C-alpha atoms as a PDB file:
ATOM      1  CA  UNK A   1       0.000   0.000   0.000  1.00  0.00           C
ATOM      2  CA  UNK A   2       2.800   2.446   0.809  1.00  0.00           C
ATOM      3  CA  UNK A   3       4.307   2.013  -2.637  1.00  0.00           C
ATOM      4  CA  UNK A   4       0.907   2.614  -4.215  1.00  0.00           C
ATOM      5  CA  UNK A   5       0.649   6.085  -2.686  1.00  0.00           C
ATOM      6  CA  UNK A   6       4.024   7.314  -3.906  1.00  0.00           C
ATOM      7  CA  UNK A   7       3.515  10.294  -6.273  1.00  0.00           C
ATOM      8  CA  UNK A   8       5.445   8.797  -9.194  1.00  0.00           C
ATOM      9  CA  UNK A   9       3.750   5.373  -9.287  1.00  0.00           C
ATOM     10  CA  UNK A  10       0.974   6.378 -11.690  1.00  0.00           C
ATOM     11  CA  UNK A  11       3.444   8.137 -14.001  1.00  0.00           C
ATOM     12  CA  UNK A  12       5.774   5.128 -13.989  1.00  0.00           C
ATOM     13  CA  UNK A  13       2.960   2.804 -15.038  1.00  0.00           C
ATOM     14  CA  UNK A  14       1.869   5.241 -17.761  1.00  0.00           C
ATOM     15  CA  UNK A  15       5.455   5.584 -19.017  1.00  0.00           C
ATOM     16  CA  UNK A  16       5.830   1.801 -19.275  1.00  0.00           C
ATOM     17  CA  UNK A  17       2.550   1.440 -21.172  1.00  0.00           C
ATOM     18  CA  UNK A  18       3.393   4.255 -23.609  1.00  0.00           C
ATOM     19  CA  UNK A  19       6.900   2.914 -24.158  1.00  0.00           C
ATOM     20  CA  UNK A  20       5.625  -0.584 -25.007  1.00  0.00           C
ATOM     21  CA  UNK A  21       2.901   0.888 -27.203  1.00  0.00           C
ATOM     22  CA  UNK A  22       5.297   2.866 -29.383  1.00  0.00           C
ATOM     23  CA  UNK A  23       7.697  -0.078 -29.547  1.00  0.00           C
ATOM     24  CA  UNK A  24       4.837  -2.041 -31.072  1.00  0.00           C
ATOM     25  CA  UNK A  25       3.416   0.548 -33.505  1.00  0.00           C
ATOM     26  CA  UNK A  26       6.544   2.487 -34.549  1.00  0.00           C
ATOM     27  CA  UNK A  27       9.495   0.388 -35.795  1.00  0.00           C
ATOM     28  CA  UNK A  28      11.735   3.502 -35.951  1.00  0.00           C
ATOM     29  CA  UNK A  29      11.158   3.965 -32.222  1.00  0.00           C
ATOM     30  CA  UNK A  30      13.075   0.756 -31.453  1.00  0.00           C
ATOM     31  CA  UNK A  31      16.529   2.064 -32.413  1.00  0.00           C
ATOM     32  CA  UNK A  32      19.155   3.364 -29.993  1.00  0.00           C
ATOM     33  CA  UNK A  33      19.228   6.674 -31.874  1.00  0.00           C
ATOM     34  CA  UNK A  34      15.503   7.122 -31.285  1.00  0.00           C
ATOM     35  CA  UNK A  35      15.831   6.426 -27.573  1.00  0.00           C
ATOM     36  CA  UNK A  36      18.666   8.948 -27.208  1.00  0.00           C
ATOM     37  CA  UNK A  37      16.622  11.520 -29.128  1.00  0.00           C
ATOM     38  CA  UNK A  38      13.705  10.921 -26.764  1.00  0.00           C
ATOM     39  CA  UNK A  39      16.021  11.480 -23.809  1.00  0.00           C
ATOM     40  CA  UNK A  40      17.255  14.740 -25.309  1.00  0.00           C
ATOM     41  CA  UNK A  41      13.728  15.961 -26.005  1.00  0.00           C
ATOM     42  CA  UNK A  42      12.737  15.025 -22.468  1.00  0.00           C
ATOM     43  CA  UNK A  43      15.747  16.776 -20.946  1.00  0.00           C
ATOM     44  CA  UNK A  44      15.048  20.153 -22.556  1.00  0.00           C
ATOM     45  CA  UNK A  45      11.619  20.140 -20.931  1.00  0.00           C
ATOM     46  CA  UNK A  46      12.576  18.154 -17.850  1.00  0.00           C
ATOM     47  CA  UNK A  47      15.309  20.505 -16.595  1.00  0.00           C
ATOM     48  CA  UNK A  48      12.940  23.440 -16.120  1.00  0.00           C
ATOM     49  CA  UNK A  49      10.096  21.111 -15.117  1.00  0.00           C
ATOM     50  CA  UNK A  50      12.140  20.005 -12.078  1.00  0.00           C
ATOM     51  CA  UNK A  51      12.062  23.532 -10.665  1.00  0.00           C
ATOM     52  CA  UNK A  52       8.456  24.113 -11.759  1.00  0.00           C
ATOM     53  CA  UNK A  53       7.472  20.896  -9.983  1.00  0.00           C
ATOM     54  CA  UNK A  54       9.211  21.997  -6.781  1.00  0.00           C
ATOM     55  CA  UNK A  55       7.451  25.361  -7.027  1.00  0.00           C
ATOM     56  CA  UNK A  56       4.111  23.588  -7.429  1.00  0.00           C
ATOM     57  CA  UNK A  57       4.853  21.418  -4.410  1.00  0.00           C
ATOM     58  CA  UNK A  58       5.397  24.731  -2.627  1.00  0.00           C
ATOM     59  CA  UNK A  59       1.908  25.809  -3.683  1.00  0.00           C
ATOM     60  CA  UNK A  60       2.718  28.271  -6.496  1.00  0.00           C
ATOM     61  CA  UNK A  61       2.834  28.505 -10.309  1.00  0.00           C
ATOM     62  CA  UNK A  62       5.129  30.296 -12.754  1.00  0.00           C
ATOM     63  CA  UNK A  63       3.612  30.956 -16.157  1.00  0.00           C
ATOM     64  CA  UNK A  64       6.667  32.954 -17.234  1.00  0.00           C
ATOM     65  CA  UNK A  65       8.908  29.871 -17.138  1.00  0.00           C
ATOM     66  CA  UNK A  66       8.620  29.254 -20.878  1.00  0.00           C
ATOM     67  CA  UNK A  67       9.467  32.723 -22.171  1.00  0.00           C
ATOM     68  CA  UNK A  68      12.248  33.318 -19.650  1.00  0.00           C
ATOM     69  CA  UNK A  69      14.195  30.540 -21.386  1.00  0.00           C
ATOM     70  CA  UNK A  70      14.133  32.601 -24.583  1.00  0.00           C
ATOM     71  CA  UNK A  71      14.770  35.843 -22.683  1.00  0.00           C
ATOM     72  CA  UNK A  72      17.913  34.343 -21.162  1.00  0.00           C
ATOM     73  CA  UNK A  73      19.421  33.524 -24.534  1.00  0.00           C
ATOM     74  CA  UNK A  74      18.396  36.820 -26.121  1.00  0.00           C
ATOM     75  CA  UNK A  75      19.908  38.922 -23.324  1.00  0.00           C
ATOM     76  CA  UNK A  76      23.186  37.044 -23.677  1.00  0.00           C
ATOM     77  CA  UNK A  77      23.386  37.120 -27.469  1.00  0.00           C
ATOM     78  CA  UNK A  78      22.156  40.635 -28.221  1.00  0.00           C
ATOM     79  CA  UNK A  79      24.104  42.343 -25.448  1.00  0.00           C
ATOM     80  CA  UNK A  80      27.383  40.779 -26.531  1.00  0.00           C
ATOM     81  CA  UNK A  81      26.742  41.280 -30.248  1.00  0.00           C
ATOM     82  CA  UNK A  82      25.710  44.926 -29.845  1.00  0.00           C
ATOM     83  CA  UNK A  83      28.568  45.910 -27.553  1.00  0.00           C
ATOM     84  CA  UNK A  84      31.149  43.484 -28.956  1.00  0.00           C
ATOM     85  CA  UNK A  85      32.094  41.903 -25.622  1.00  0.00           C
ATOM     86  CA  UNK A  86      32.897  38.386 -24.454  1.00  0.00           C
ATOM     87  CA  UNK A  87      29.942  36.011 -24.249  1.00  0.00           C
ATOM     88  CA  UNK A  88      30.882  35.086 -20.680  1.00  0.00           C
ATOM     89  CA  UNK A  89      30.011  38.617 -19.587  1.00  0.00           C
ATOM     90  CA  UNK A  90      26.673  38.349 -21.342  1.00  0.00           C
ATOM     91  CA  UNK A  91      25.976  34.955 -19.781  1.00  0.00           C
ATOM     92  CA  UNK A  92      26.536  36.355 -16.279  1.00  0.00           C
ATOM     93  CA  UNK A  93      24.361  39.395 -17.016  1.00  0.00           C
ATOM     94  CA  UNK A  94      21.688  37.081 -18.409  1.00  0.00           C
ATOM     95  CA  UNK A  95      21.791  35.012 -15.219  1.00  0.00           C
ATOM     96  CA  UNK A  96      21.414  38.140 -13.090  1.00  0.00           C
ATOM     97  CA  UNK A  97      18.500  39.254 -15.268  1.00  0.00           C
ATOM     98  CA  UNK A  98      16.714  35.904 -14.907  1.00  0.00           C
ATOM     99  CA  UNK A  99      17.262  35.798 -11.149  1.00  0.00           C
ATOM    100  CA  UNK A 100      15.898  39.347 -10.894  1.00  0.00           C
ATOM    101  CA  UNK A 101      12.746  38.250 -12.726  1.00  0.00           C
ATOM    102  CA  UNK A 102      12.373  35.236 -10.424  1.00  0.00           C
ATOM    103  CA  UNK A 103      12.899  37.366  -7.329  1.00  0.00           C
ATOM    104  CA  UNK A 104      10.372  39.926  -8.554  1.00  0.00           C
ATOM    105  CA  UNK A 105       7.793  37.195  -9.189  1.00  0.00           C
ATOM    106  CA  UNK A 106       8.267  35.736  -5.718  1.00  0.00           C
ATOM    107  CA  UNK A 107       8.413  39.100  -3.972  1.00  0.00           C
ATOM    108  CA  UNK A 108       5.221  40.375  -5.614  1.00  0.00           C
ATOM    109  CA  UNK A 109       3.350  37.155  -4.838  1.00  0.00           C
ATOM    110  CA  UNK A 110       4.351  37.255  -1.177  1.00  0.00           C
ATOM    111  CA  UNK A 111       4.068  41.026  -0.767  1.00  0.00           C
ATOM    112  CA  UNK A 112       0.698  41.544  -2.450  1.00  0.00           C
ATOM    113  CA  UNK A 113      -1.053  38.243  -1.811  1.00  0.00           C
ATOM    114  CA  UNK A 114      -2.119  38.154  -5.461  1.00  0.00           C
ATOM    115  CA  UNK A 115      -2.144  34.557  -6.781  1.00  0.00           C
ATOM    116  CA  UNK A 116       1.093  33.564  -8.496  1.00  0.00           C
ATOM    117  CA  UNK A 117      -0.956  32.562 -11.541  1.00  0.00           C
ATOM    118  CA  UNK A 118      -1.819  36.227 -12.168  1.00  0.00           C
ATOM    119  CA  UNK A 119       1.549  37.714 -11.204  1.00  0.00           C
ATOM    120  CA  UNK A 120       3.500  35.399 -13.492  1.00  0.00           C
ATOM    121  CA  UNK A 121       0.920  35.737 -16.261  1.00  0.00           C
ATOM    122  CA  UNK A 122       1.740  39.444 -16.235  1.00  0.00           C
ATOM    123  CA  UNK A 123       5.453  38.656 -16.304  1.00  0.00           C
ATOM    124  CA  UNK A 124       4.828  36.296 -19.204  1.00  0.00           C
ATOM    125  CA  UNK A 125       3.302  39.070 -21.316  1.00  0.00           C
ATOM    126  CA  UNK A 126       6.010  41.577 -20.358  1.00  0.00           C
ATOM    127  CA  UNK A 127       8.806  39.187 -21.324  1.00  0.00           C
ATOM    128  CA  UNK A 128       7.071  38.037 -24.488  1.00  0.00           C
ATOM    129  CA  UNK A 129       6.569  41.604 -25.687  1.00  0.00           C
ATOM    130  CA  UNK A 130      10.082  42.663 -24.676  1.00  0.00           C
ATOM    131  CA  UNK A 131      11.634  39.656 -26.419  1.00  0.00           C
ATOM    132  CA  UNK A 132       9.975  40.576 -29.695  1.00  0.00           C
ATOM    133  CA  UNK A 133      10.203  44.360 -29.397  1.00  0.00           C
ATOM    134  CA  UNK A 134      13.798  44.654 -28.228  1.00  0.00           C
ATOM    135  CA  UNK A 135      15.074  42.003 -30.634  1.00  0.00           C
ATOM    136  CA  UNK A 136      13.465  43.747 -33.591  1.00  0.00           C
ATOM    137  CA  UNK A 137      14.793  47.107 -32.388  1.00  0.00           C
ATOM    138  CA  UNK A 138      18.365  45.848 -32.038  1.00  0.00           C
ATOM    139  CA  UNK A 139      18.680  43.423 -34.950  1.00  0.00           C
ATOM    140  CA  UNK A 140      15.928  44.618 -37.301  1.00  0.00           C
ATOM    141  CA  UNK A 141      14.297  41.176 -37.275  1.00  0.00           C
ATOM    142  CA  UNK A 142      12.615  38.782 -34.844  1.00  0.00           C
ATOM    143  CA  UNK A 143      15.685  36.563 -34.517  1.00  0.00           C
ATOM    144  CA  UNK A 144      19.012  37.121 -32.785  1.00  0.00           C
ATOM    145  CA  UNK A 145      22.282  37.262 -34.677  1.00  0.00           C
ATOM    146  CA  UNK A 146      24.755  34.383 -34.983  1.00  0.00           C
ATOM    147  CA  UNK A 147      27.056  34.427 -31.938  1.00  0.00           C
ATOM    148  CA  UNK A 148      29.382  31.616 -33.000  1.00  0.00           C
ATOM    149  CA  UNK A 149      32.233  34.022 -33.836  1.00  0.00           C
ATOM    150  CA  UNK A 150      32.103  36.003 -30.603  1.00  0.00           C
ATOM    151  CA  UNK A 151      34.765  35.312 -27.964  1.00  0.00           C
ATOM    152  CA  UNK A 152      33.696  32.777 -25.359  1.00  0.00           C
ATOM    153  CA  UNK A 153      31.432  30.762 -27.653  1.00  0.00           C
ATOM    154  CA  UNK A 154      33.579  27.636 -27.562  1.00  0.00           C
ATOM    155  CA  UNK A 155      33.986  27.421 -23.793  1.00  0.00           C
ATOM    156  CA  UNK A 156      30.318  28.178 -23.085  1.00  0.00           C
ATOM    157  CA  UNK A 157      29.284  25.682 -25.734  1.00  0.00           C
ATOM    158  CA  UNK A 158      31.362  23.034 -23.994  1.00  0.00           C
ATOM    159  CA  UNK A 159      29.363  23.611 -20.800  1.00  0.00           C
ATOM    160  CA  UNK A 160      25.843  24.091 -22.117  1.00  0.00           C
ATOM    161  CA  UNK A 161      25.738  22.361 -25.501  1.00  0.00           C
ATOM    162  CA  UNK A 162      28.280  19.563 -25.404  1.00  0.00           C
ATOM    163  CA  UNK A 163      27.731  16.009 -26.592  1.00  0.00           C
ATOM    164  CA  UNK A 164      29.541  12.700 -26.377  1.00  0.00           C
ATOM    165  CA  UNK A 165      29.400   9.346 -28.115  1.00  0.00           C
ATOM    166  CA  UNK A 166      28.324   6.063 -26.568  1.00  0.00           C
ATOM    167  CA  UNK A 167      29.025   3.499 -29.227  1.00  0.00           C
ATOM    168  CA  UNK A 168      27.184   4.504 -32.400  1.00  0.00           C
ATOM    169  CA  UNK A 169      24.907   7.102 -30.759  1.00  0.00           C
ATOM    170  CA  UNK A 170      25.548  10.692 -29.681  1.00  0.00           C
ATOM    171  CA  UNK A 171      24.180  11.854 -26.325  1.00  0.00           C
ATOM    172  CA  UNK A 172      23.687  15.548 -25.610  1.00  0.00           C
ATOM    173  CA  UNK A 173      25.027  16.860 -22.326  1.00  0.00           C
ATOM    174  CA  UNK A 174      21.607  18.161 -21.306  1.00  0.00           C
ATOM    175  CA  UNK A 175      20.612  14.565 -20.565  1.00  0.00           C
ATOM    176  CA  UNK A 176      23.398  14.325 -17.966  1.00  0.00           C
ATOM    177  CA  UNK A 177      22.547  17.752 -16.559  1.00  0.00           C
ATOM    178  CA  UNK A 178      18.890  16.723 -16.325  1.00  0.00           C
ATOM    179  CA  UNK A 179      19.753  13.617 -14.314  1.00  0.00           C
ATOM    180  CA  UNK A 180      21.999  15.707 -12.060  1.00  0.00           C
ATOM    181  CA  UNK A 181      19.321  18.342 -11.424  1.00  0.00           C
ATOM    182  CA  UNK A 182      16.733  15.642 -10.656  1.00  0.00           C
ATOM    183  CA  UNK A 183      19.158  14.032  -8.197  1.00  0.00           C
ATOM    184  CA  UNK A 184      19.852  17.359  -6.474  1.00  0.00           C
ATOM    185  CA  UNK A 185      16.146  18.198  -6.276  1.00  0.00           C
ATOM    186  CA  UNK A 186      15.389  14.733  -4.869  1.00  0.00           C
ATOM    187  CA  UNK A 187      18.070  15.177  -2.218  1.00  0.00           C
ATOM    188  CA  UNK A 188      16.736  18.604  -1.269  1.00  0.00           C
ATOM    189  CA  UNK A 189      13.144  17.412  -0.990  1.00  0.00           C
ATOM    190  CA  UNK A 190      13.894  14.185   0.895  1.00  0.00           C
ATOM    191  CA  UNK A 191      17.006  14.898   2.963  1.00  0.00           C
ATOM    192  CA  UNK A 192      17.112  18.579   3.872  1.00  0.00           C
ATOM    193  CA  UNK A 193      15.267  20.967   6.123  1.00  0.00           C
ATOM    194  CA  UNK A 194      14.578  23.122   3.074  1.00  0.00           C
ATOM    195  CA  UNK A 195      12.710  20.213   1.518  1.00  0.00           C
ATOM    196  CA  UNK A 196      10.511  19.910   4.583  1.00  0.00           C
ATOM    197  CA  UNK A 197       9.840  23.625   4.341  1.00  0.00           C
ATOM    198  CA  UNK A 198       8.763  23.281   0.694  1.00  0.00           C
ATOM    199  CA  UNK A 199       6.206  20.597   1.535  1.00  0.00           C
ATOM    200  CA  UNK A 200       5.052  22.569   4.560  1.00  0.00           C
ATOM    201  CA  UNK A 201       4.436  25.862   2.746  1.00  0.00           C
ATOM    202  CA  UNK A 202       2.670  24.026  -0.060  1.00  0.00           C
ATOM    203  CA  UNK A 203       0.430  22.048   2.232  1.00  0.00           C
ATOM    204  CA  UNK A 204      -0.526  24.788   4.707  1.00  0.00           C
ATOM    205  CA  UNK A 205       1.424  28.037   4.564  1.00  0.00           C
ATOM    206  CA  UNK A 206      -0.241  29.593   7.626  1.00  0.00           C
ATOM    207  CA  UNK A 207       0.411  26.550   9.781  1.00  0.00           C
ATOM    208  CA  UNK A 208       3.996  26.388   8.524  1.00  0.00           C
ATOM    209  CA  UNK A 209       4.534  30.042   9.402  1.00  0.00           C
ATOM    210  CA  UNK A 210       3.120  29.433  12.865  1.00  0.00           C
ATOM    211  CA  UNK A 211       5.781  26.819  13.612  1.00  0.00           C
ATOM    212  CA  UNK A 212       8.653  28.976  12.371  1.00  0.00           C
ATOM    213  CA  UNK A 213       9.014  27.989   8.722  1.00  0.00           C
ATOM    214  CA  UNK A 214      10.364  30.948   6.665  1.00  0.00           C
ATOM    215  CA  UNK A 215       7.497  30.958   4.167  1.00  0.00           C
ATOM    216  CA  UNK A 216       8.536  34.085   2.267  1.00  0.00           C
ATOM    217  CA  UNK A 217      12.156  33.027   1.889  1.00  0.00           C
ATOM    218  CA  UNK A 218      11.205  29.510   0.853  1.00  0.00           C
ATOM    219  CA  UNK A 219       8.764  30.572  -1.863  1.00  0.00           C
ATOM    220  CA  UNK A 220      11.025  33.272  -3.274  1.00  0.00           C
ATOM    221  CA  UNK A 221      13.814  30.682  -3.384  1.00  0.00           C
ATOM    222  CA  UNK A 222      11.578  28.399  -5.457  1.00  0.00           C
ATOM    223  CA  UNK A 223      10.857  31.170  -7.951  1.00  0.00           C
ATOM    224  CA  UNK A 224      14.601  31.803  -8.173  1.00  0.00           C
ATOM    225  CA  UNK A 225      15.162  28.094  -8.892  1.00  0.00           C
ATOM    226  CA  UNK A 226      12.722  28.230 -11.815  1.00  0.00           C
ATOM    227  CA  UNK A 227      14.527  31.261 -13.229  1.00  0.00           C
ATOM    228  CA  UNK A 228      17.934  29.635 -12.801  1.00  0.00           C
ATOM    229  CA  UNK A 229      17.019  26.450 -14.638  1.00  0.00           C
ATOM    230  CA  UNK A 230      15.197  28.521 -17.272  1.00  0.00           C
ATOM    231  CA  UNK A 231      18.457  30.420 -17.765  1.00  0.00           C
ATOM    232  CA  UNK A 232      20.344  27.133 -18.046  1.00  0.00           C
ATOM    233  CA  UNK A 233      18.124  25.817 -20.847  1.00  0.00           C
ATOM    234  CA  UNK A 234      18.251  29.235 -22.516  1.00  0.00           C
ATOM    235  CA  UNK A 235      22.032  28.978 -22.585  1.00  0.00           C
ATOM    236  CA  UNK A 236      21.800  25.511 -24.103  1.00  0.00           C
ATOM    237  CA  UNK A 237      19.461  26.700 -26.850  1.00  0.00           C
ATOM    238  CA  UNK A 238      21.703  29.637 -27.690  1.00  0.00           C
ATOM    239  CA  UNK A 239      24.964  27.687 -27.795  1.00  0.00           C
ATOM    240  CA  UNK A 240      23.542  24.746 -29.675  1.00  0.00           C
ATOM    241  CA  UNK A 241      21.687  26.682 -32.384  1.00  0.00           C
ATOM    242  CA  UNK A 242      23.753  29.944 -32.373  1.00  0.00           C
ATOM    243  CA  UNK A 243      20.612  32.044 -32.968  1.00  0.00           C
ATOM    244  CA  UNK A 244      17.197  32.293 -31.328  1.00  0.00           C
ATOM    245  CA  UNK A 245      13.709  33.234 -32.443  1.00  0.00           C
ATOM    246  CA  UNK A 246      12.336  35.997 -30.212  1.00  0.00           C
ATOM    247  CA  UNK A 247       8.882  34.419 -30.121  1.00  0.00           C
ATOM    248  CA  UNK A 248      10.160  31.056 -28.884  1.00  0.00           C
ATOM    249  CA  UNK A 249       9.252  29.436 -25.589  1.00  0.00           C
ATOM    250  CA  UNK A 250       5.601  30.476 -25.615  1.00  0.00           C
ATOM    251  CA  UNK A 251       3.480  27.535 -24.479  1.00  0.00           C
ATOM    252  CA  UNK A 252       6.323  25.607 -22.874  1.00  0.00           C
ATOM    253  CA  UNK A 253       5.197  26.753 -19.440  1.00  0.00           C
ATOM    254  CA  UNK A 254       2.203  24.441 -19.832  1.00  0.00           C
ATOM    255  CA  UNK A 255       4.462  21.540 -20.785  1.00  0.00           C
ATOM    256  CA  UNK A 256       6.417  22.024 -17.553  1.00  0.00           C
ATOM    257  CA  UNK A 257       3.213  22.055 -15.535  1.00  0.00           C
ATOM    258  CA  UNK A 258       1.836  19.016 -17.354  1.00  0.00           C
ATOM    259  CA  UNK A 259       5.083  17.108 -16.749  1.00  0.00           C
ATOM    260  CA  UNK A 260       4.798  17.895 -13.049  1.00  0.00           C
ATOM    261  CA  UNK A 261       1.112  16.951 -12.820  1.00  0.00           C
ATOM    262  CA  UNK A 262       1.545  13.747 -14.825  1.00  0.00           C
ATOM    263  CA  UNK A 263       4.441  12.950 -12.474  1.00  0.00           C
ATOM    264  CA  UNK A 264       2.152  13.056  -9.450  1.00  0.00           C
ATOM    265  CA  UNK A 265       2.439  16.678  -8.292  1.00  0.00           C
ATOM    266  CA  UNK A 266      -0.820  18.054  -6.951  1.00  0.00           C
ATOM    267  CA  UNK A 267      -2.074  21.385  -8.282  1.00  0.00           C
ATOM    268  CA  UNK A 268      -2.998  22.285  -4.714  1.00  0.00           C
ATOM    269  CA  UNK A 269       0.593  21.902  -3.485  1.00  0.00           C
ATOM    270  CA  UNK A 270       2.240  19.896  -0.719  1.00  0.00           C
ATOM    271  CA  UNK A 271       2.542  16.607  -2.627  1.00  0.00           C
ATOM    272  CA  UNK A 272       4.909  15.325  -5.308  1.00  0.00           C
ATOM    273  CA  UNK A 273       8.591  14.643  -5.932  1.00  0.00           C
ATOM    274  CA  UNK A 274      11.328  15.306  -8.476  1.00  0.00           C
ATOM    275  CA  UNK A 275      11.470  11.740  -9.770  1.00  0.00           C
ATOM    276  CA  UNK A 276       7.804  11.865 -10.711  1.00  0.00           C
ATOM    277  CA  UNK A 277       8.352  15.142 -12.588  1.00  0.00           C
ATOM    278  CA  UNK A 278      11.241  13.534 -14.479  1.00  0.00           C
ATOM    279  CA  UNK A 279       9.022  10.613 -15.489  1.00  0.00           C
ATOM    280  CA  UNK A 280       6.373  13.105 -16.620  1.00  0.00           C
ATOM    281  CA  UNK A 281       8.949  14.852 -18.824  1.00  0.00           C
ATOM    282  CA  UNK A 282      10.042  11.473 -20.217  1.00  0.00           C
ATOM    283  CA  UNK A 283       6.428  10.721 -21.142  1.00  0.00           C
ATOM    284  CA  UNK A 284       6.352  14.038 -22.991  1.00  0.00           C
ATOM    285  CA  UNK A 285       9.526  13.146 -24.887  1.00  0.00           C
ATOM    286  CA  UNK A 286       8.291   9.675 -25.801  1.00  0.00           C
ATOM    287  CA  UNK A 287       4.933  10.904 -27.024  1.00  0.00           C
ATOM    288  CA  UNK A 288       6.115  13.930 -28.995  1.00  0.00           C
ATOM    289  CA  UNK A 289       8.607  11.821 -30.949  1.00  0.00           C
ATOM    290  CA  UNK A 290       6.718   8.535 -30.891  1.00  0.00           C
ATOM    291  CA  UNK A 291       3.851  10.099 -32.831  1.00  0.00           C
ATOM    292  CA  UNK A 292       6.326  11.263 -35.470  1.00  0.00           C
ATOM    293  CA  UNK A 293       8.072   7.876 -35.639  1.00  0.00           C
ATOM    294  CA  UNK A 294       4.686   6.201 -36.047  1.00  0.00           C
ATOM    295  CA  UNK A 295       3.938   8.446 -39.036  1.00  0.00           C
ATOM    296  CA  UNK A 296       0.861  10.050 -37.478  1.00  0.00           C
ATOM    297  CA  UNK A 297      -0.315  13.636 -37.727  1.00  0.00           C
ATOM    298  CA  UNK A 298       1.725  15.581 -35.086  1.00  0.00           C
ATOM    299  CA  UNK A 299      -1.381  17.624 -34.265  1.00  0.00           C
ATOM    300  CA  UNK A 300      -2.600  14.648 -32.249  1.00  0.00           C
ATOM    301  CA  UNK A 301       0.158  15.364 -29.737  1.00  0.00           C
ATOM    302  CA  UNK A 302      -1.754  18.271 -28.178  1.00  0.00           C
ATOM    303  CA  UNK A 303      -4.848  16.094 -27.862  1.00  0.00           C
ATOM    304  CA  UNK A 304      -2.751  13.472 -26.111  1.00  0.00           C
ATOM    305  CA  UNK A 305      -1.407  16.064 -23.676  1.00  0.00           C
ATOM    306  CA  UNK A 306      -4.944  17.063 -22.763  1.00  0.00           C
ATOM    307  CA  UNK A 307      -5.986  13.464 -22.161  1.00  0.00           C
ATOM    308  CA  UNK A 308      -2.857  12.776 -20.104  1.00  0.00           C
ATOM    309  CA  UNK A 309      -3.476  15.861 -17.976  1.00  0.00           C
ATOM    310  CA  UNK A 310      -7.060  14.874 -17.222  1.00  0.00           C
ATOM    311  CA  UNK A 311      -6.073  11.297 -16.406  1.00  0.00           C
ATOM    312  CA  UNK A 312      -3.172  12.477 -14.245  1.00  0.00           C
ATOM    313  CA  UNK A 313      -5.445  14.742 -12.217  1.00  0.00           C
ATOM    314  CA  UNK A 314      -7.821  11.847 -11.575  1.00  0.00           C
ATOM    315  CA  UNK A 315      -4.994   9.460 -10.672  1.00  0.00           C
ATOM    316  CA  UNK A 316      -3.380  12.032  -8.394  1.00  0.00           C
ATOM    317  CA  UNK A 317      -6.681  12.598  -6.626  1.00  0.00           C
ATOM    318  CA  UNK A 318      -7.018   8.866  -6.038  1.00  0.00           C
ATOM    319  CA  UNK A 319      -3.411   8.541  -4.830  1.00  0.00           C
ATOM    320  CA  UNK A 320      -3.870  11.502  -2.506  1.00  0.00           C
ATOM    321  CA  UNK A 321      -6.968   9.919  -0.986  1.00  0.00           C
ATOM    322  CA  UNK A 322      -5.054   6.689  -0.426  1.00  0.00           C
ATOM    323  CA  UNK A 323      -2.252   8.634   1.257  1.00  0.00           C
ATOM    324  CA  UNK A 324      -4.713  10.480   3.491  1.00  0.00           C
ATOM    325  CA  UNK A 325      -6.473   7.240   4.413  1.00  0.00           C
ATOM    326  CA  UNK A 326      -3.164   5.548   5.260  1.00  0.00           C
ATOM    327  CA  UNK A 327      -2.046   8.529   7.360  1.00  0.00           C
ATOM    328  CA  UNK A 328      -5.264   8.405   9.375  1.00  0.00           C
ATOM    329  CA  UNK A 329      -4.920   4.676   9.849  1.00  0.00           C
END
């Protein structure tokens, strides 16, 4: 019974079923190259989803998580191209910018009491408009310039966009980073006082505050974590593709949330874990590419996401009731 109430159990079963299904219907899905591609696709969503999942466990949402990935890369690329300076300087300034956005989101939520859904929705529109407007103002188009010839590109690319071979297949470094971030998040949630604080503020913030939990500091820290991992993926996108489209990232915030919910995170907060979020991201990767490998219309992917979200909510509700019943017993 205890295993049945773990947040990731439903997602693990779903992942196994989907994996077997695409093995059966899509012959191209059975190759090692396909599996590595699925891992890469999962990692680009899963890295940010880890922080989004932790934020949701803490009882908040961040709808700006998708566009801040693009903002991070644009700040780095356009600043260095316009002023002709080393990309390392731009990367640090981009990090500071993203952390400032995360801090502002958290501070406004805690200071005003306005739901994080509305605060970060406003941030989403501000960043989306600024990405398009500033990029067009600086470059004359809606895409950034090629940064591959600017000093620092090689060393930053080695950190954020490296790859390595395992036999005949090439694995992108983001897969390793994703596993590392999931491991760190799991350790924080299960082994540290900060992890206890996250569950406490998500389950009952007032009660947590009454027993001395630093609610404000904890929630602002979670918003900062989302911004940091958004910056990380933004750096990967920039140094893998050299240029960015200013309108990119829109809609990804929902993929992060879906990955978290499918992985067993409750929308009401206080329940979930990083491993479940990782499995949710893996389901996203399998489905988005499995549909292509099967030769189906890719438009069905969005329909699948909707079905998975509805099923995940129902499963999570059932698991939560089992957990509550066991706790009372």
